[in-house]
Amino acid sequence: MATYSSDQQFVELMRPILETGDFELLARHIRREWPNSALRELLFCENEDAVKVALFCLSLTGTMEDCPAIACLLRHNDRFIVNLAENTLWSIWFRAGGDQANCGLRQAVRMMGETRLEEARVLLSRLIHRYPDFAEAYNQRAIVHFLQGNYSKARRDLLEVLRRNPVHYAALAGLGHCYAASGRWEKALAWYERTARVHPGAEGLREAISELNRLIAESRRPDCDRQSQVL
């Protein structure tokens, strides 16, 4: 296992391998020399270059165990680090099921991209039956249900995601989407606010919260107030 005396030395040790652009070589080196526990510690150092390199390393070798630490960086003040943390989480989530499950998940996502929603739903259901702990399979099936207008089924799958992966900010936001699509604005707002506690800079989140607050405030006005505005 490699050792380093400073965060900057870690960056210098990793730089030559990063510059090769050979991700397979990099992943082998990380697995051999840098345990994930050491990379997690580097996520909270003051050297932002070391944080970025550690995140990139975890995008190749990280596991679900690493996700709570990585998710902390979704609240970082450096947008580049936030984006890296997002990408690292998605990389881990999509390969957390094992080789066969991961391959099936990618196939289902391709089907969704081709609007073959029912085929994707059937495949994802098979994956969930075979790999019941694979959180991302539930999340992708929830997306299919949502696109098919089956909001209650989508909500059930999203809750299953969160039981297995509490920091899955997209599942939190997905519950907000489901309630918003059903016209249940206060429920939607509550889930968007929970999303904001995990990932305050999530795309479109601030706008969604603002719009829901407007709709809720409008719905609480007396009828005469609303009618006077129309007039």
C-alpha atoms as a PDB file:
ATOM      1  CA  MET A   1       0.000   0.000   0.000  1.00  0.00           C
ATOM      2  CA  ALA A   2       1.298   3.444  -0.910  1.00  0.00           C
ATOM      3  CA  THR A   3       1.902   5.989   1.818  1.00  0.00           C
ATOM      4  CA  TYR A   4       1.939   9.761   1.729  1.00  0.00           C
ATOM      5  CA  SER A   5       2.993  12.422   4.194  1.00  0.00           C
ATOM      6  CA  SER A   6       0.749  15.199   2.886  1.00  0.00           C
ATOM      7  CA  ASP A   7      -2.338  15.736   0.760  1.00  0.00           C
ATOM      8  CA  GLN A   8      -0.165  17.358  -1.907  1.00  0.00           C
ATOM      9  CA  GLN A   9       2.140  14.344  -1.994  1.00  0.00           C
ATOM     10  CA  PHE A  10      -0.899  12.158  -2.706  1.00  0.00           C
ATOM     11  CA  VAL A  11      -1.676  14.354  -5.714  1.00  0.00           C
ATOM     12  CA  GLU A  12       1.914  14.163  -6.948  1.00  0.00           C
ATOM     13  CA  LEU A  13       1.996  10.380  -6.542  1.00  0.00           C
ATOM     14  CA  MET A  14      -1.199   9.997  -8.552  1.00  0.00           C
ATOM     15  CA  ARG A  15      -0.414  12.563 -11.264  1.00  0.00           C
ATOM     16  CA  PRO A  16       1.757  10.353 -13.547  1.00  0.00           C
ATOM     17  CA  ILE A  17      -0.911   7.629 -13.687  1.00  0.00           C
ATOM     18  CA  LEU A  18      -3.726  10.127 -14.215  1.00  0.00           C
ATOM     19  CA  GLU A  19      -1.803  11.668 -17.103  1.00  0.00           C
ATOM     20  CA  THR A  20      -1.683   8.321 -18.953  1.00  0.00           C
ATOM     21  CA  GLY A  21      -5.460   8.477 -19.405  1.00  0.00           C
ATOM     22  CA  ASP A  22      -5.537   4.690 -18.907  1.00  0.00           C
ATOM     23  CA  PHE A  23      -8.468   4.205 -16.532  1.00  0.00           C
ATOM     24  CA  GLU A  24      -8.010   0.429 -16.287  1.00  0.00           C
ATOM     25  CA  LEU A  25      -4.403   0.913 -15.216  1.00  0.00           C
ATOM     26  CA  LEU A  26      -5.496   3.590 -12.767  1.00  0.00           C
ATOM     27  CA  ALA A  27      -8.206   1.372 -11.270  1.00  0.00           C
ATOM     28  CA  ARG A  28      -5.739  -1.499 -10.803  1.00  0.00           C
ATOM     29  CA  HIS A  29      -3.257   0.843  -9.138  1.00  0.00           C
ATOM     30  CA  ILE A  30      -5.903   2.258  -6.801  1.00  0.00           C
ATOM     31  CA  ARG A  31      -7.141  -1.191  -5.762  1.00  0.00           C
ATOM     32  CA  ARG A  32      -3.570  -2.271  -5.057  1.00  0.00           C
ATOM     33  CA  GLU A  33      -2.219   0.846  -3.355  1.00  0.00           C
ATOM     34  CA  TRP A  34      -5.069   3.014  -2.050  1.00  0.00           C
ATOM     35  CA  PRO A  35      -7.825   1.541   0.125  1.00  0.00           C
ATOM     36  CA  ASN A  36     -11.164   3.307  -0.089  1.00  0.00           C
ATOM     37  CA  SER A  37     -10.949   4.220   3.582  1.00  0.00           C
ATOM     38  CA  ALA A  38      -7.850   6.342   2.828  1.00  0.00           C
ATOM     39  CA  LEU A  39      -9.568   7.947  -0.169  1.00  0.00           C
ATOM     40  CA  ARG A  40     -12.600   8.790   1.983  1.00  0.00           C
ATOM     41  CA  GLU A  41     -10.363  10.578   4.473  1.00  0.00           C
ATOM     42  CA  LEU A  42      -8.928  12.686   1.670  1.00  0.00           C
ATOM     43  CA  LEU A  43     -12.406  13.903   0.745  1.00  0.00           C
ATOM     44  CA  PHE A  44     -12.349  16.120   3.816  1.00  0.00           C
ATOM     45  CA  CYS A  45      -8.846  17.561   3.557  1.00  0.00           C
ATOM     46  CA  GLU A  46      -8.206  21.240   2.804  1.00  0.00           C
ATOM     47  CA  ASN A  47      -6.348  20.561  -0.449  1.00  0.00           C
ATOM     48  CA  GLU A  48      -9.036  20.754  -3.139  1.00  0.00           C
ATOM     49  CA  ASP A  49      -6.805  19.077  -5.740  1.00  0.00           C
ATOM     50  CA  ALA A  50      -6.485  16.082  -3.410  1.00  0.00           C
ATOM     51  CA  VAL A  51     -10.266  16.055  -2.929  1.00  0.00           C
ATOM     52  CA  LYS A  52     -10.795  16.019  -6.706  1.00  0.00           C
ATOM     53  CA  VAL A  53      -8.286  13.215  -7.267  1.00  0.00           C
ATOM     54  CA  ALA A  54      -9.770  11.156  -4.430  1.00  0.00           C
ATOM     55  CA  LEU A  55     -13.249  11.597  -5.904  1.00  0.00           C
ATOM     56  CA  PHE A  56     -12.058  10.520  -9.323  1.00  0.00           C
ATOM     57  CA  CYS A  57     -10.396   7.456  -7.813  1.00  0.00           C
ATOM     58  CA  LEU A  58     -13.594   6.532  -5.982  1.00  0.00           C
ATOM     59  CA  SER A  59     -15.546   6.877  -9.228  1.00  0.00           C
ATOM     60  CA  LEU A  60     -13.532   3.862 -10.400  1.00  0.00           C
ATOM     61  CA  THR A  61     -13.285   1.782  -7.234  1.00  0.00           C
ATOM     62  CA  GLY A  62     -15.852   3.150  -4.770  1.00  0.00           C
ATOM     63  CA  THR A  63     -18.639   1.061  -3.267  1.00  0.00           C
ATOM     64  CA  MET A  64     -22.001   1.821  -1.664  1.00  0.00           C
ATOM     65  CA  GLU A  65     -20.174   2.068   1.661  1.00  0.00           C
ATOM     66  CA  ASP A  66     -18.404   5.174   0.367  1.00  0.00           C
ATOM     67  CA  CYS A  67     -21.568   7.009  -0.727  1.00  0.00           C
ATOM     68  CA  PRO A  68     -22.434   8.835   2.532  1.00  0.00           C
ATOM     69  CA  ALA A  69     -18.977  10.455   2.612  1.00  0.00           C
ATOM     70  CA  ILE A  70     -19.120  11.353  -1.078  1.00  0.00           C
ATOM     71  CA  ALA A  71     -22.627  12.776  -0.686  1.00  0.00           C
ATOM     72  CA  CYS A  72     -21.304  15.275   1.873  1.00  0.00           C
ATOM     73  CA  LEU A  73     -19.481  16.976  -1.000  1.00  0.00           C
ATOM     74  CA  LEU A  74     -22.763  17.718  -2.761  1.00  0.00           C
ATOM     75  CA  ARG A  75     -22.894  20.663  -0.361  1.00  0.00           C
ATOM     76  CA  HIS A  76     -19.370  21.884  -1.211  1.00  0.00           C
ATOM     77  CA  ASN A  77     -18.916  25.507  -2.293  1.00  0.00           C
ATOM     78  CA  ASP A  78     -16.812  24.514  -5.331  1.00  0.00           C
ATOM     79  CA  ARG A  79     -19.165  23.610  -8.198  1.00  0.00           C
ATOM     80  CA  PHE A  80     -16.510  21.464  -9.885  1.00  0.00           C
ATOM     81  CA  ILE A  81     -16.226  19.315  -6.757  1.00  0.00           C
ATOM     82  CA  VAL A  82     -20.020  19.079  -6.562  1.00  0.00           C
ATOM     83  CA  ASN A  83     -20.146  17.869 -10.176  1.00  0.00           C
ATOM     84  CA  LEU A  84     -17.395  15.351  -9.503  1.00  0.00           C
ATOM     85  CA  ALA A  85     -19.275  14.084  -6.446  1.00  0.00           C
ATOM     86  CA  GLU A  86     -22.439  13.676  -8.549  1.00  0.00           C
ATOM     87  CA  ASN A  87     -20.574  11.729 -11.236  1.00  0.00           C
ATOM     88  CA  THR A  88     -18.852   9.563  -8.640  1.00  0.00           C
ATOM     89  CA  LEU A  89     -22.137   8.671  -6.962  1.00  0.00           C
ATOM     90  CA  TRP A  90     -23.791   7.746 -10.255  1.00  0.00           C
ATOM     91  CA  SER A  91     -20.767   5.648 -11.236  1.00  0.00           C
ATOM     92  CA  ILE A  92     -21.031   3.691  -7.978  1.00  0.00           C
ATOM     93  CA  TRP A  93     -24.809   3.365  -8.124  1.00  0.00           C
ATOM     94  CA  PHE A  94     -24.773   1.981 -11.660  1.00  0.00           C
ATOM     95  CA  ARG A  95     -22.179  -0.715 -10.916  1.00  0.00           C
ATOM     96  CA  ALA A  96     -23.300  -1.714  -7.433  1.00  0.00           C
ATOM     97  CA  GLY A  97     -25.201  -4.801  -8.542  1.00  0.00           C
ATOM     98  CA  GLY A  98     -22.343  -6.947  -9.857  1.00  0.00           C
ATOM     99  CA  ASP A  99     -21.326  -7.593 -13.452  1.00  0.00           C
ATOM    100  CA  GLN A 100     -24.485  -9.337 -14.682  1.00  0.00           C
ATOM    101  CA  ALA A 101     -26.867  -6.972 -12.913  1.00  0.00           C
ATOM    102  CA  ASN A 102     -24.934  -3.932 -14.142  1.00  0.00           C
ATOM    103  CA  CYS A 103     -25.073  -5.197 -17.719  1.00  0.00           C
ATOM    104  CA  GLY A 104     -28.829  -5.721 -17.439  1.00  0.00           C
ATOM    105  CA  LEU A 105     -29.283  -2.244 -15.994  1.00  0.00           C
ATOM    106  CA  ARG A 106     -27.401  -0.632 -18.876  1.00  0.00           C
ATOM    107  CA  GLN A 107     -29.553  -2.586 -21.331  1.00  0.00           C
ATOM    108  CA  ALA A 108     -32.725  -1.367 -19.628  1.00  0.00           C
ATOM    109  CA  VAL A 109     -31.517   2.245 -19.742  1.00  0.00           C
ATOM    110  CA  ARG A 110     -30.847   1.881 -23.480  1.00  0.00           C
ATOM    111  CA  MET A 111     -34.405   0.600 -23.918  1.00  0.00           C
ATOM    112  CA  MET A 112     -35.731   3.607 -22.017  1.00  0.00           C
ATOM    113  CA  GLY A 113     -33.756   5.913 -24.289  1.00  0.00           C
ATOM    114  CA  GLU A 114     -35.444   4.243 -27.253  1.00  0.00           C
ATOM    115  CA  THR A 115     -38.881   4.679 -25.560  1.00  0.00           C
ATOM    116  CA  ARG A 116     -39.246   0.897 -25.230  1.00  0.00           C
ATOM    117  CA  LEU A 117     -40.672   1.486 -21.788  1.00  0.00           C
ATOM    118  CA  GLU A 118     -42.606  -1.724 -21.259  1.00  0.00           C
ATOM    119  CA  GLU A 119     -39.627  -3.859 -22.309  1.00  0.00           C
ATOM    120  CA  ALA A 120     -37.443  -1.878 -19.928  1.00  0.00           C
ATOM    121  CA  ARG A 121     -39.947  -2.324 -17.094  1.00  0.00           C
ATOM    122  CA  VAL A 122     -40.048  -6.106 -17.604  1.00  0.00           C
ATOM    123  CA  LEU A 123     -36.253  -6.343 -17.655  1.00  0.00           C
ATOM    124  CA  LEU A 124     -35.893  -4.176 -14.554  1.00  0.00           C
ATOM    125  CA  SER A 125     -38.480  -6.293 -12.729  1.00  0.00           C
ATOM    126  CA  ARG A 126     -36.439  -9.388 -13.533  1.00  0.00           C
ATOM    127  CA  LEU A 127     -33.289  -7.695 -12.259  1.00  0.00           C
ATOM    128  CA  ILE A 128     -35.026  -6.695  -9.028  1.00  0.00           C
ATOM    129  CA  HIS A 129     -36.269 -10.250  -8.538  1.00  0.00           C
ATOM    130  CA  ARG A 130     -32.746 -11.633  -8.993  1.00  0.00           C
ATOM    131  CA  TYR A 131     -30.875  -8.815  -7.241  1.00  0.00           C
ATOM    132  CA  PRO A 132     -33.280  -7.394  -4.626  1.00  0.00           C
ATOM    133  CA  ASP A 133     -30.611  -5.186  -3.023  1.00  0.00           C
ATOM    134  CA  PHE A 134     -29.693  -3.388  -6.264  1.00  0.00           C
ATOM    135  CA  ALA A 135     -31.053   0.075  -5.479  1.00  0.00           C
ATOM    136  CA  GLU A 136     -30.501   1.572  -8.919  1.00  0.00           C
ATOM    137  CA  ALA A 137     -32.700  -1.064 -10.570  1.00  0.00           C
ATOM    138  CA  TYR A 138     -35.599   0.194  -8.437  1.00  0.00           C
ATOM    139  CA  ASN A 139     -34.761   3.787  -9.329  1.00  0.00           C
ATOM    140  CA  GLN A 140     -34.761   3.119 -13.059  1.00  0.00           C
ATOM    141  CA  ARG A 141     -38.027   1.163 -12.811  1.00  0.00           C
ATOM    142  CA  ALA A 142     -39.497   4.116 -10.914  1.00  0.00           C
ATOM    143  CA  ILE A 143     -38.554   6.344 -13.844  1.00  0.00           C
ATOM    144  CA  VAL A 144     -40.350   3.963 -16.210  1.00  0.00           C
ATOM    145  CA  HIS A 145     -43.458   3.965 -13.998  1.00  0.00           C
ATOM    146  CA  PHE A 146     -43.370   7.762 -13.877  1.00  0.00           C
ATOM    147  CA  LEU A 147     -43.105   8.046 -17.655  1.00  0.00           C
ATOM    148  CA  GLN A 148     -46.053   5.666 -17.954  1.00  0.00           C
ATOM    149  CA  GLY A 149     -48.083   7.814 -15.560  1.00  0.00           C
ATOM    150  CA  ASN A 150     -48.086   5.192 -12.781  1.00  0.00           C
ATOM    151  CA  TYR A 151     -47.147   7.567  -9.983  1.00  0.00           C
ATOM    152  CA  SER A 152     -48.117   5.337  -7.063  1.00  0.00           C
ATOM    153  CA  LYS A 153     -45.930   2.504  -8.399  1.00  0.00           C
ATOM    154  CA  ALA A 154     -43.095   4.961  -8.987  1.00  0.00           C
ATOM    155  CA  ARG A 155     -43.384   6.163  -5.385  1.00  0.00           C
ATOM    156  CA  ARG A 156     -43.208   2.607  -4.054  1.00  0.00           C
ATOM    157  CA  ASP A 157     -40.038   1.917  -6.028  1.00  0.00           C
ATOM    158  CA  LEU A 158     -38.448   5.196  -4.938  1.00  0.00           C
ATOM    159  CA  LEU A 159     -39.051   4.356  -1.293  1.00  0.00           C
ATOM    160  CA  GLU A 160     -37.302   1.020  -1.922  1.00  0.00           C
ATOM    161  CA  VAL A 161     -34.348   2.952  -3.373  1.00  0.00           C
ATOM    162  CA  LEU A 162     -34.106   5.098  -0.242  1.00  0.00           C
ATOM    163  CA  ARG A 163     -34.275   2.072   2.061  1.00  0.00           C
ATOM    164  CA  ARG A 164     -31.129   0.801   0.349  1.00  0.00           C
ATOM    165  CA  ASN A 165     -29.491   4.144  -0.459  1.00  0.00           C
ATOM    166  CA  PRO A 166     -30.639   7.029   1.776  1.00  0.00           C
ATOM    167  CA  VAL A 167     -28.439   9.610  -0.002  1.00  0.00           C
ATOM    168  CA  HIS A 168     -29.939   8.965  -3.446  1.00  0.00           C
ATOM    169  CA  TYR A 169     -30.912  12.567  -4.088  1.00  0.00           C
ATOM    170  CA  ALA A 170     -32.529  11.726  -7.433  1.00  0.00           C
ATOM    171  CA  ALA A 171     -34.912   9.306  -5.704  1.00  0.00           C
ATOM    172  CA  LEU A 172     -35.782  12.004  -3.152  1.00  0.00           C
ATOM    173  CA  ALA A 173     -36.485  14.446  -5.972  1.00  0.00           C
ATOM    174  CA  GLY A 174     -38.374  11.738  -7.847  1.00  0.00           C
ATOM    175  CA  LEU A 175     -40.849  11.468  -4.987  1.00  0.00           C
ATOM    176  CA  GLY A 176     -41.325  15.217  -5.278  1.00  0.00           C
ATOM    177  CA  HIS A 177     -41.968  14.849  -9.011  1.00  0.00           C
ATOM    178  CA  CYS A 178     -44.564  12.135  -8.398  1.00  0.00           C
ATOM    179  CA  TYR A 179     -46.518  14.212  -5.902  1.00  0.00           C
ATOM    180  CA  ALA A 180     -46.232  17.346  -8.042  1.00  0.00           C
ATOM    181  CA  ALA A 181     -47.562  15.473 -11.074  1.00  0.00           C
ATOM    182  CA  SER A 182     -50.500  14.327  -8.944  1.00  0.00           C
ATOM    183  CA  GLY A 183     -51.248  17.889  -7.809  1.00  0.00           C
ATOM    184  CA  ARG A 184     -50.237  17.165  -4.214  1.00  0.00           C
ATOM    185  CA  TRP A 185     -48.080  20.242  -3.865  1.00  0.00           C
ATOM    186  CA  GLU A 186     -47.386  20.236  -0.136  1.00  0.00           C
ATOM    187  CA  LYS A 187     -46.202  16.614  -0.265  1.00  0.00           C
ATOM    188  CA  ALA A 188     -44.072  17.461  -3.291  1.00  0.00           C
ATOM    189  CA  LEU A 189     -42.555  20.445  -1.507  1.00  0.00           C
ATOM    190  CA  ALA A 190     -41.667  18.336   1.533  1.00  0.00           C
ATOM    191  CA  TRP A 191     -39.740  15.874  -0.647  1.00  0.00           C
ATOM    192  CA  TYR A 192     -37.993  18.640  -2.587  1.00  0.00           C
ATOM    193  CA  GLU A 193     -36.918  20.194   0.708  1.00  0.00           C
ATOM    194  CA  ARG A 194     -35.518  16.826   1.806  1.00  0.00           C
ATOM    195  CA  THR A 195     -33.645  16.680  -1.494  1.00  0.00           C
ATOM    196  CA  ALA A 196     -32.185  20.117  -0.810  1.00  0.00           C
ATOM    197  CA  ARG A 197     -30.754  18.923   2.497  1.00  0.00           C
ATOM    198  CA  VAL A 198     -28.752  16.286   0.593  1.00  0.00           C
ATOM    199  CA  HIS A 199     -28.000  18.199  -2.608  1.00  0.00           C
ATOM    200  CA  PRO A 200     -28.939  21.885  -2.400  1.00  0.00           C
ATOM    201  CA  GLY A 201     -27.595  22.610  -5.879  1.00  0.00           C
ATOM    202  CA  ALA A 202     -29.450  19.840  -7.711  1.00  0.00           C
ATOM    203  CA  GLU A 203     -30.516  20.943 -11.169  1.00  0.00           C
ATOM    204  CA  GLY A 204     -33.900  22.649 -11.229  1.00  0.00           C
ATOM    205  CA  LEU A 205     -34.514  22.107  -7.516  1.00  0.00           C
ATOM    206  CA  ARG A 206     -34.521  25.746  -6.442  1.00  0.00           C
ATOM    207  CA  GLU A 207     -36.951  26.657  -9.213  1.00  0.00           C
ATOM    208  CA  ALA A 208     -39.260  23.750  -8.327  1.00  0.00           C
ATOM    209  CA  ILE A 209     -39.357  24.767  -4.660  1.00  0.00           C
ATOM    210  CA  SER A 210     -40.076  28.378  -5.579  1.00  0.00           C
ATOM    211  CA  GLU A 211     -42.891  27.406  -7.937  1.00  0.00           C
ATOM    212  CA  LEU A 212     -44.486  25.067  -5.400  1.00  0.00           C
ATOM    213  CA  ASN A 213     -44.357  27.728  -2.714  1.00  0.00           C
ATOM    214  CA  ARG A 214     -46.137  30.048  -5.125  1.00  0.00           C
ATOM    215  CA  LEU A 215     -48.809  27.460  -5.953  1.00  0.00           C
ATOM    216  CA  ILE A 216     -49.380  26.598  -2.301  1.00  0.00           C
ATOM    217  CA  ALA A 217     -49.660  30.257  -1.297  1.00  0.00           C
ATOM    218  CA  GLU A 218     -52.086  30.872  -4.148  1.00  0.00           C
ATOM    219  CA  SER A 219     -54.223  27.885  -3.204  1.00  0.00           C
ATOM    220  CA  ARG A 220     -54.520  29.201   0.365  1.00  0.00           C
ATOM    221  CA  ARG A 221     -55.833  32.632  -0.654  1.00  0.00           C
ATOM    222  CA  PRO A 222     -59.554  33.260  -0.113  1.00  0.00           C
ATOM    223  CA  ASP A 223     -61.599  32.802  -3.285  1.00  0.00           C
ATOM    224  CA  CYS A 224     -62.439  36.526  -3.382  1.00  0.00           C
ATOM    225  CA  ASP A 225     -58.729  37.418  -3.460  1.00  0.00           C
ATOM    226  CA  ARG A 226     -58.133  35.129  -6.400  1.00  0.00           C
ATOM    227  CA  GLN A 227     -61.195  36.434  -8.221  1.00  0.00           C
ATOM    228  CA  SER A 228     -60.081  40.054  -7.735  1.00  0.00           C
ATOM    229  CA  GLN A 229     -56.741  39.202  -9.303  1.00  0.00           C
ATOM    230  CA  VAL A 230     -58.510  37.754 -12.340  1.00  0.00           C
ATOM    231  CA  LEU A 231     -60.668  40.892 -12.629  1.00  0.00           C
END
